[in-house]
Amino acid sequence: MNNEMYEIIKNKKGFIAALDQSGGSSSKTLKAYGIDESEYNTEEEMFNLIHEMRKRVFTSKAFTNDHIIGAILFEKTMLSKVNDEYTADYLWNEKRIVSFLKVDKGLDEQANGVKLMKEIPTLAEELKEAREKNVFGTKMRSVIYEANEEGIRAVVKQQFEFAKQICEAGLVPIIEPEVDINSPEKEKCEEILKAEIGINPNNDGKVIRLVFPELTEERRKELVKDIKKMAEEAKVAVRSAILHVQPPNLPEVQLHHHIFSWLFSSLREYQCSR
């Protein structure tokens, strides 16, 4: 992770510019700028025109990190260049603006009062590409329309499942389970969403505090299993390292081996007692 990017997103005041428009509405956007559909023949030509429009935004003297700390990019924008640099590199090197990649592929049909994200079969490849292109994080959106507990639970589950994969790839996910602003049950939807996430934000005007609930027994058991697995992997790695070390003082190596064995044995006993 780029620590300077991290500090900007964590501490700097500003907003993240949404420049992640995909193919579905691009033709309408071009038309609003005076470019009719008859002026391009293929989707590639359309996206090239969209990228030229975005380049004008990126290179504008008004587009600075005085107020803009990040930009959400469409995949084709990430893979395109601005002034001979890939977009994320240009934004960072020239503007000190952090890039995020839109990874969702749109929404499924509405069911149980929500629209889940469509599946993302190429997510692993896109995350790898994003890392190589110096993208800091991702953004993904699903929408809640009704105060349906089953639907909202499915939204949260899907968002966090994808977020876990994104974190494991070394990127920072923006999780966006959006409550539709026109929902007649907006307040109730938000209550269910907060309860499902298990976090109750508290804003005192200066700091937003997130109070995380205590772990459930089931989650504790899952964490113990994860810790056991990591401990065993670490033990194997340490033993392997000891076997490959050839110091002149063999008794000292044996002593280290006994110490590590005792530590891991104690850790296992502690885990089993939890």
Protein backbone atom coordinates (compact mmCIF):
# COMPACT_ATOMS: atom_id res chain seq x y z
CA MET A 1 0.00 0.00 0.00
CA ASN A 2 1.21 3.50 -0.86
CA ASN A 3 1.49 5.21 2.53
CA GLU A 4 1.20 8.72 1.12
CA MET A 5 -2.04 7.81 -0.65
CA TYR A 6 -3.27 6.20 2.54
CA GLU A 7 -2.58 9.33 4.58
CA ILE A 8 -4.37 11.53 2.04
CA ILE A 9 -7.50 9.38 2.04
CA LYS A 10 -7.38 8.98 5.81
CA ASN A 11 -6.72 12.57 6.87
CA LYS A 12 -7.15 15.08 4.06
CA LYS A 13 -10.44 16.90 3.65
CA GLY A 14 -12.05 16.74 0.23
CA PHE A 15 -14.27 14.62 -1.97
CA ILE A 16 -13.86 11.72 -4.38
CA ALA A 17 -14.85 12.60 -7.95
CA ALA A 18 -17.05 10.00 -9.66
CA LEU A 19 -15.63 9.59 -13.17
CA ASP A 20 -16.60 5.94 -13.51
CA GLN A 21 -19.36 6.24 -16.07
CA SER A 22 -19.73 2.98 -18.01
CA GLY A 23 -21.13 2.16 -21.43
CA GLY A 24 -24.79 2.23 -20.50
CA SER A 25 -25.10 6.00 -20.29
CA SER A 26 -22.02 7.13 -22.23
CA SER A 27 -23.93 7.81 -25.46
CA LYS A 28 -26.34 10.08 -23.56
CA THR A 29 -23.43 11.96 -22.03
CA LEU A 30 -21.78 12.50 -25.40
CA LYS A 31 -25.09 13.69 -26.82
CA ALA A 32 -25.37 16.22 -23.99
CA TYR A 33 -21.94 17.51 -25.06
CA GLY A 34 -23.14 17.87 -28.65
CA ILE A 35 -21.74 14.62 -30.07
CA ASP A 36 -24.46 12.66 -31.85
CA GLU A 37 -24.45 8.84 -32.10
CA SER A 38 -23.94 9.18 -35.86
CA GLU A 39 -20.43 10.53 -35.21
CA TYR A 40 -19.07 7.15 -34.03
CA ASN A 41 -19.64 3.58 -35.23
CA THR A 42 -18.27 1.24 -32.58
CA GLU A 43 -18.19 1.00 -28.81
CA GLU A 44 -14.43 1.52 -28.90
CA GLU A 45 -14.87 4.79 -30.79
CA MET A 46 -17.49 5.86 -28.25
CA PHE A 47 -15.19 5.13 -25.31
CA ASN A 48 -12.33 6.96 -27.01
CA LEU A 49 -14.53 10.04 -27.21
CA ILE A 50 -15.54 9.60 -23.56
CA HIS A 51 -11.87 9.34 -22.59
CA GLU A 52 -11.06 12.54 -24.48
CA MET A 53 -13.83 14.23 -22.50
CA ARG A 54 -12.40 12.87 -19.23
CA LYS A 55 -8.89 13.97 -20.19
CA ARG A 56 -10.16 17.53 -20.43
CA VAL A 57 -11.42 17.15 -16.85
CA PHE A 58 -8.21 15.56 -15.54
CA THR A 59 -5.91 18.13 -17.15
CA SER A 60 -8.00 21.14 -16.20
CA LYS A 61 -6.25 23.63 -13.90
CA ALA A 62 -9.38 23.54 -11.74
CA PHE A 63 -9.05 19.78 -11.17
CA THR A 64 -6.66 19.86 -8.20
CA ASN A 65 -6.24 18.17 -4.83
CA ASP A 66 -7.21 21.38 -3.04
CA HIS A 67 -10.68 19.85 -2.85
CA ILE A 68 -10.46 16.57 -4.80
CA ILE A 69 -8.61 13.80 -2.94
CA GLY A 70 -9.63 10.89 -5.16
CA ALA A 71 -11.19 9.88 -8.47
CA ILE A 72 -13.25 6.80 -9.32
CA LEU A 73 -12.27 5.40 -12.71
CA PHE A 74 -14.01 3.12 -15.17
CA GLU A 75 -11.84 0.15 -16.22
CA LYS A 76 -11.23 1.50 -19.72
CA THR A 77 -10.18 4.83 -18.21
CA MET A 78 -7.67 3.03 -15.98
CA LEU A 79 -6.23 1.28 -19.05
CA SER A 80 -6.04 4.49 -21.08
CA LYS A 81 -3.40 7.20 -20.91
CA VAL A 82 -3.33 10.91 -20.15
CA ASN A 83 -0.29 12.77 -21.51
CA ASP A 84 1.59 9.48 -22.09
CA GLU A 85 0.94 8.17 -18.56
CA TYR A 86 -1.69 5.69 -17.45
CA THR A 87 -4.56 7.63 -15.92
CA ALA A 88 -3.87 6.67 -12.29
CA ASP A 89 -0.19 7.56 -12.67
CA TYR A 90 -1.04 10.92 -14.23
CA LEU A 91 -3.51 11.78 -11.48
CA TRP A 92 -1.00 10.86 -8.79
CA ASN A 93 2.21 12.24 -10.31
CA GLU A 94 0.71 15.49 -11.56
CA LYS A 95 -2.19 16.14 -9.20
CA ARG A 96 -1.58 14.01 -6.09
CA ILE A 97 -5.11 12.61 -6.57
CA VAL A 98 -5.72 8.99 -5.52
CA SER A 99 -7.42 6.60 -7.97
CA PHE A 100 -10.16 4.05 -7.27
CA LEU A 101 -11.49 1.51 -9.77
CA LYS A 102 -15.19 0.85 -10.33
CA VAL A 103 -15.38 -2.95 -10.18
CA ASP A 104 -19.10 -3.70 -10.22
CA LYS A 105 -20.69 -4.66 -13.53
CA GLY A 106 -24.06 -3.08 -12.89
CA LEU A 107 -27.10 -4.27 -11.00
CA ASP A 108 -29.26 -7.38 -11.16
CA GLU A 109 -33.03 -7.18 -11.42
CA GLN A 110 -34.79 -6.02 -8.26
CA ALA A 111 -35.70 -8.77 -5.78
CA ASN A 112 -36.68 -8.57 -2.10
CA GLY A 113 -36.67 -4.80 -2.34
CA VAL A 114 -33.02 -4.50 -3.44
CA LYS A 115 -30.78 -4.69 -6.48
CA LEU A 116 -27.69 -6.78 -5.86
CA MET A 117 -24.58 -6.38 -7.96
CA LYS A 118 -24.15 -8.66 -10.92
CA GLU A 119 -21.46 -11.29 -10.56
CA ILE A 120 -17.89 -10.14 -11.23
CA PRO A 121 -16.21 -13.18 -12.82
CA THR A 122 -13.04 -11.28 -13.78
CA LEU A 123 -12.56 -9.54 -10.44
CA ALA A 124 -9.23 -11.21 -9.61
CA GLU A 125 -7.74 -10.20 -12.97
CA GLU A 126 -9.04 -6.64 -12.66
CA LEU A 127 -7.60 -6.28 -9.16
CA LYS A 128 -4.21 -7.51 -10.38
CA GLU A 129 -4.33 -4.99 -13.23
CA ALA A 130 -5.35 -2.23 -10.82
CA ARG A 131 -2.37 -2.94 -8.56
CA GLU A 132 -0.04 -2.84 -11.55
CA LYS A 133 -1.55 0.49 -12.64
CA ASN A 134 -1.03 2.02 -9.15
CA VAL A 135 -4.72 2.20 -8.27
CA PHE A 136 -5.30 2.53 -4.52
CA GLY A 137 -8.80 1.11 -4.06
CA THR A 138 -12.13 0.12 -5.57
CA LYS A 139 -15.76 1.16 -5.57
CA MET A 140 -18.87 -1.02 -5.92
CA ARG A 141 -22.54 -0.16 -5.60
CA SER A 142 -25.79 -1.97 -4.84
CA VAL A 143 -29.17 -0.32 -4.15
CA ILE A 144 -31.80 -0.73 -1.43
CA TYR A 145 -35.36 0.33 -2.25
CA GLU A 146 -37.51 -1.27 0.45
CA ALA A 147 -37.19 -2.09 4.16
CA ASN A 148 -36.86 -5.80 3.45
CA GLU A 149 -34.56 -7.48 5.97
CA GLU A 150 -33.79 -10.48 3.76
CA GLY A 151 -32.87 -8.27 0.81
CA ILE A 152 -30.74 -5.88 2.87
CA ARG A 153 -28.97 -8.84 4.52
CA ALA A 154 -28.11 -10.15 1.04
CA VAL A 155 -26.74 -6.74 0.02
CA VAL A 156 -24.46 -6.53 3.05
CA LYS A 157 -23.28 -10.13 2.63
CA GLN A 158 -22.41 -9.62 -1.03
CA GLN A 159 -20.66 -6.29 -0.43
CA PHE A 160 -18.45 -7.70 2.32
CA GLU A 161 -17.65 -10.90 0.41
CA PHE A 162 -16.31 -8.85 -2.49
CA ALA A 163 -14.60 -6.45 -0.07
CA LYS A 164 -12.71 -9.33 1.53
CA GLN A 165 -11.36 -10.41 -1.85
CA ILE A 166 -10.39 -6.82 -2.65
CA CYS A 167 -8.55 -6.40 0.66
CA GLU A 168 -6.70 -9.67 0.10
CA ALA A 169 -5.54 -8.29 -3.26
CA GLY A 170 -4.00 -5.31 -1.46
CA LEU A 171 -6.59 -2.66 -2.41
CA VAL A 172 -8.96 -0.60 -0.28
CA PRO A 173 -12.67 -1.10 -1.08
CA ILE A 174 -15.32 1.61 -0.97
CA ILE A 175 -18.41 -0.33 0.10
CA GLU A 176 -21.58 1.33 -1.18
CA PRO A 177 -24.88 -0.28 -0.19
CA GLU A 178 -26.91 2.74 -1.32
CA VAL A 179 -30.38 3.41 0.07
CA ASP A 180 -32.44 4.93 -2.73
CA ILE A 181 -33.05 8.59 -1.93
CA ASN A 182 -36.66 8.33 -3.19
CA SER A 183 -37.55 5.28 -1.11
CA PRO A 184 -40.69 5.96 0.98
CA GLU A 185 -39.09 3.74 3.67
CA LYS A 186 -35.67 5.41 3.54
CA GLU A 187 -35.28 5.84 7.30
CA LYS A 188 -36.37 2.28 8.04
CA CYS A 189 -34.06 0.94 5.32
CA GLU A 190 -31.13 2.77 6.92
CA GLU A 191 -32.00 1.38 10.36
CA ILE A 192 -32.02 -2.19 9.04
CA LEU A 193 -28.80 -1.59 7.10
CA LYS A 194 -26.96 -0.28 10.17
CA ALA A 195 -28.21 -3.17 12.26
CA GLU A 196 -27.17 -5.68 9.58
CA ILE A 197 -23.68 -4.19 9.36
CA GLY A 198 -23.58 -4.19 13.15
CA ILE A 199 -22.16 -0.69 13.45
CA ASN A 200 -23.82 2.36 14.94
CA PRO A 201 -22.04 5.53 13.70
CA ASN A 202 -21.82 8.41 16.19
CA ASN A 203 -21.02 11.84 14.76
CA ASP A 204 -20.19 14.62 17.25
CA GLY A 205 -19.46 17.16 14.53
CA LYS A 206 -15.72 16.56 14.65
CA VAL A 207 -15.21 12.80 14.62
CA ILE A 208 -17.32 9.92 13.30
CA ARG A 209 -17.01 7.04 15.75
CA LEU A 210 -17.85 3.49 14.72
CA VAL A 211 -18.76 1.27 17.65
CA PHE A 212 -18.22 -2.38 16.74
CA PRO A 213 -20.31 -4.96 18.59
CA GLU A 214 -18.79 -7.82 20.55
CA LEU A 215 -17.88 -10.92 18.59
CA THR A 216 -20.47 -13.65 18.41
CA GLU A 217 -19.51 -17.14 19.56
CA GLU A 218 -19.59 -18.34 15.96
CA ARG A 219 -17.27 -15.56 14.82
CA ARG A 220 -14.91 -16.26 17.74
CA LYS A 221 -14.64 -19.89 16.62
CA GLU A 222 -13.92 -18.78 13.05
CA LEU A 223 -11.15 -16.46 14.25
CA VAL A 224 -9.62 -19.21 16.40
CA LYS A 225 -9.52 -21.48 13.34
CA ASP A 226 -7.85 -18.73 11.31
CA ILE A 227 -5.28 -18.10 14.06
CA LYS A 228 -4.54 -21.83 14.35
CA LYS A 229 -3.95 -22.02 10.63
CA MET A 230 -1.64 -18.98 10.67
CA ALA A 231 0.22 -20.37 13.70
CA GLU A 232 0.81 -23.70 11.98
CA GLU A 233 2.00 -22.00 8.82
CA ALA A 234 4.35 -19.80 10.85
CA LYS A 235 5.65 -22.83 12.74
CA VAL A 236 6.44 -24.63 9.49
CA ALA A 237 8.17 -21.52 8.15
CA VAL A 238 10.27 -21.12 11.32
CA ARG A 239 11.27 -24.79 11.32
CA SER A 240 12.21 -24.54 7.65
CA ALA A 241 14.31 -21.45 8.34
CA ILE A 242 16.07 -23.15 11.27
CA LEU A 243 16.90 -26.20 9.15
CA HIS A 244 18.44 -23.98 6.47
CA VAL A 245 20.56 -21.97 8.91
CA GLN A 246 24.07 -23.32 9.36
CA PRO A 247 25.56 -21.37 12.31
CA PRO A 248 28.70 -22.56 14.03
CA ASN A 249 26.94 -22.81 17.41
CA LEU A 250 24.62 -25.79 17.02
CA PRO A 251 23.40 -25.88 20.66
CA GLU A 252 22.09 -22.31 20.24
CA VAL A 253 20.02 -23.41 17.25
CA GLN A 254 18.62 -26.29 19.26
CA LEU A 255 17.74 -23.86 22.02
CA HIS A 256 15.92 -21.60 19.55
CA HIS A 257 14.05 -24.62 18.24
CA HIS A 258 12.88 -25.55 21.75
CA ILE A 259 11.80 -21.95 22.42
CA PHE A 260 9.75 -21.76 19.23
CA SER A 261 8.19 -25.18 19.89
CA TRP A 262 7.21 -24.08 23.38
CA LEU A 263 5.72 -20.81 22.09
CA PHE A 264 3.61 -22.52 19.46
CA SER A 265 2.54 -25.23 21.89
CA SER A 266 1.42 -22.54 24.34
CA LEU A 267 -0.41 -20.69 21.59
CA ARG A 268 -2.33 -23.84 20.60
CA GLU A 269 -3.30 -24.49 24.23
CA TYR A 270 -4.51 -20.90 24.55
CA GLN A 271 -6.56 -21.16 21.37
CA CYS A 272 -8.19 -24.40 22.48
CA SER A 273 -9.16 -22.86 25.79
CA ARG A 274 -10.98 -19.91 24.17
